[in-house]
Amino acid sequence: MRSYVGPHQVVSDDDYLELALGTPVELWLGVEGETEMERAARLDAARDILADSPGLPDDAMRIAADAIEAYAPELFNVVPLPQPIGLRQRARKGAAA
């Protein structure tokens, strides 16, 4: 099944974020192996976008909060793992002493 946001086809989670924020995720997070010149240009572009859209940080926080709320059960589904046998035996010996 294909997903669309307006006329744009969404093929990854990053596409949803990019369409929601109106900017590519890489602009804010950078990319592995970028040079100092590329980093400076990226940060300069980010500063320009923030100057033009002062509400963008609030929008980003709202999107993140909505995602956490929607997926909280999966994010925080923590299951205790059984303790290895060697650790249980050592714990019992220490308690008996």
C-alpha atoms as a PDB file:
ATOM      1  CA  MET A   1       0.000   0.000   0.000  1.00  0.00           C
ATOM      2  CA  ARG A   2       1.277   3.484  -0.831  1.00  0.00           C
ATOM      3  CA  SER A   3       1.064   6.490   1.460  1.00  0.00           C
ATOM      4  CA  TYR A   4       0.615  10.049   0.248  1.00  0.00           C
ATOM      5  CA  VAL A   5       0.689  13.383   2.019  1.00  0.00           C
ATOM      6  CA  GLY A   6      -0.884  15.776  -0.441  1.00  0.00           C
ATOM      7  CA  PRO A   7       0.717  15.083  -3.806  1.00  0.00           C
ATOM      8  CA  HIS A   8       3.884  13.608  -2.214  1.00  0.00           C
ATOM      9  CA  GLN A   9       4.427   9.865  -1.934  1.00  0.00           C
ATOM     10  CA  VAL A  10       5.870   8.844   1.422  1.00  0.00           C
ATOM     11  CA  VAL A  11       8.299   5.930   1.307  1.00  0.00           C
ATOM     12  CA  SER A  12      10.053   6.263   4.689  1.00  0.00           C
ATOM     13  CA  ASP A  13       9.635   7.678   8.187  1.00  0.00           C
ATOM     14  CA  ASP A  14      12.033  10.487   7.236  1.00  0.00           C
ATOM     15  CA  ASP A  15       9.645  11.475   4.438  1.00  0.00           C
ATOM     16  CA  TYR A  16       6.854  11.981   7.000  1.00  0.00           C
ATOM     17  CA  LEU A  17       9.144  14.143   9.116  1.00  0.00           C
ATOM     18  CA  GLU A  18      10.335  16.142   6.127  1.00  0.00           C
ATOM     19  CA  LEU A  19       6.768  16.807   4.992  1.00  0.00           C
ATOM     20  CA  ALA A  20       5.658  17.676   8.521  1.00  0.00           C
ATOM     21  CA  LEU A  21       8.545  20.083   9.130  1.00  0.00           C
ATOM     22  CA  GLY A  22       8.881  21.368   5.591  1.00  0.00           C
ATOM     23  CA  THR A  23      12.636  20.779   5.628  1.00  0.00           C
ATOM     24  CA  PRO A  24      14.840  17.712   5.176  1.00  0.00           C
ATOM     25  CA  VAL A  25      15.833  15.943   8.396  1.00  0.00           C
ATOM     26  CA  GLU A  26      19.481  16.012   7.312  1.00  0.00           C
ATOM     27  CA  LEU A  27      19.437  19.802   7.555  1.00  0.00           C
ATOM     28  CA  TRP A  28      19.028  19.562  11.327  1.00  0.00           C
ATOM     29  CA  LEU A  29      20.912  16.353  12.063  1.00  0.00           C
ATOM     30  CA  GLY A  30      23.681  16.529   9.493  1.00  0.00           C
ATOM     31  CA  VAL A  31      25.091  13.594   7.593  1.00  0.00           C
ATOM     32  CA  GLU A  32      27.951  11.286   8.378  1.00  0.00           C
ATOM     33  CA  GLY A  33      31.239  12.397   6.892  1.00  0.00           C
ATOM     34  CA  GLU A  34      30.258  15.984   6.118  1.00  0.00           C
ATOM     35  CA  THR A  35      33.143  18.440   5.850  1.00  0.00           C
ATOM     36  CA  GLU A  36      33.502  21.520   8.022  1.00  0.00           C
ATOM     37  CA  MET A  37      32.481  23.660   5.037  1.00  0.00           C
ATOM     38  CA  GLU A  38      29.364  21.545   4.448  1.00  0.00           C
ATOM     39  CA  ARG A  39      28.516  21.690   8.152  1.00  0.00           C
ATOM     40  CA  ALA A  40      28.907  25.485   8.215  1.00  0.00           C
ATOM     41  CA  ALA A  41      26.669  25.845   5.142  1.00  0.00           C
ATOM     42  CA  ARG A  42      24.059  23.503   6.666  1.00  0.00           C
ATOM     43  CA  LEU A  43      24.006  25.401   9.956  1.00  0.00           C
ATOM     44  CA  ASP A  44      23.804  28.729   8.110  1.00  0.00           C
ATOM     45  CA  ALA A  45      20.785  27.472   6.141  1.00  0.00           C
ATOM     46  CA  ALA A  46      19.192  26.214   9.357  1.00  0.00           C
ATOM     47  CA  ARG A  47      19.662  29.630  10.996  1.00  0.00           C
ATOM     48  CA  ASP A  48      17.999  31.302   8.002  1.00  0.00           C
ATOM     49  CA  ILE A  49      15.035  28.897   8.193  1.00  0.00           C
ATOM     50  CA  LEU A  50      14.626  29.487  11.925  1.00  0.00           C
ATOM     51  CA  ALA A  51      14.746  33.255  11.373  1.00  0.00           C
ATOM     52  CA  ASP A  52      11.998  32.967   8.758  1.00  0.00           C
ATOM     53  CA  SER A  53       9.922  30.442  10.760  1.00  0.00           C
ATOM     54  CA  PRO A  54      10.273  31.162  14.485  1.00  0.00           C
ATOM     55  CA  GLY A  55       7.483  28.656  15.298  1.00  0.00           C
ATOM     56  CA  LEU A  56       9.351  25.722  13.740  1.00  0.00           C
ATOM     57  CA  PRO A  57      10.981  24.498  16.993  1.00  0.00           C
ATOM     58  CA  ASP A  58       7.555  24.423  18.682  1.00  0.00           C
ATOM     59  CA  ASP A  59       6.112  22.529  15.709  1.00  0.00           C
ATOM     60  CA  ALA A  60       8.951  20.010  15.884  1.00  0.00           C
ATOM     61  CA  MET A  61       8.439  19.491  19.612  1.00  0.00           C
ATOM     62  CA  ARG A  62       4.705  19.011  19.098  1.00  0.00           C
ATOM     63  CA  ILE A  63       5.332  16.414  16.370  1.00  0.00           C
ATOM     64  CA  ALA A  64       7.795  14.569  18.614  1.00  0.00           C
ATOM     65  CA  ALA A  65       5.388  14.647  21.570  1.00  0.00           C
ATOM     66  CA  ASP A  66       2.541  13.348  19.386  1.00  0.00           C
ATOM     67  CA  ALA A  67       4.737  10.516  18.098  1.00  0.00           C
ATOM     68  CA  ILE A  68       5.828   9.543  21.607  1.00  0.00           C
ATOM     69  CA  GLU A  69       2.240   9.598  22.822  1.00  0.00           C
ATOM     70  CA  ALA A  70       1.023   7.534  19.861  1.00  0.00           C
ATOM     71  CA  TYR A  71       3.781   4.929  20.151  1.00  0.00           C
ATOM     72  CA  ALA A  72       4.425   4.986  23.914  1.00  0.00           C
ATOM     73  CA  PRO A  73       3.235   1.421  24.516  1.00  0.00           C
ATOM     74  CA  GLU A  74       5.774   0.098  21.995  1.00  0.00           C
ATOM     75  CA  LEU A  75       8.535   2.478  23.095  1.00  0.00           C
ATOM     76  CA  PHE A  76       8.257   1.565  26.748  1.00  0.00           C
ATOM     77  CA  ASN A  77       7.392  -2.116  26.417  1.00  0.00           C
ATOM     78  CA  VAL A  78      10.122  -3.300  28.769  1.00  0.00           C
ATOM     79  CA  VAL A  79      10.295  -6.945  29.719  1.00  0.00           C
ATOM     80  CA  PRO A  80      12.572  -8.063  32.564  1.00  0.00           C
ATOM     81  CA  LEU A  81      15.139 -10.581  31.409  1.00  0.00           C
ATOM     82  CA  PRO A  82      15.873 -13.659  33.501  1.00  0.00           C
ATOM     83  CA  GLN A  83      19.038 -13.388  35.536  1.00  0.00           C
ATOM     84  CA  PRO A  84      21.807 -15.781  34.421  1.00  0.00           C
ATOM     85  CA  ILE A  85      22.179 -18.847  36.655  1.00  0.00           C
ATOM     86  CA  GLY A  86      25.732 -17.966  37.749  1.00  0.00           C
ATOM     87  CA  LEU A  87      24.612 -14.597  39.114  1.00  0.00           C
ATOM     88  CA  ARG A  88      21.706 -16.162  41.027  1.00  0.00           C
ATOM     89  CA  GLN A  89      24.017 -18.692  42.690  1.00  0.00           C
ATOM     90  CA  ARG A  90      26.506 -15.984  43.683  1.00  0.00           C
ATOM     91  CA  ALA A  91      23.670 -13.833  45.071  1.00  0.00           C
ATOM     92  CA  ARG A  92      22.445 -16.743  47.236  1.00  0.00           C
ATOM     93  CA  LYS A  93      25.967 -17.452  48.550  1.00  0.00           C
ATOM     94  CA  GLY A  94      26.394 -13.806  49.485  1.00  0.00           C
ATOM     95  CA  ALA A  95      23.036 -13.789  51.306  1.00  0.00           C
ATOM     96  CA  ALA A  96      23.893 -16.934  53.270  1.00  0.00           C
ATOM     97  CA  ALA A  97      27.229 -15.578  54.513  1.00  0.00           C
END
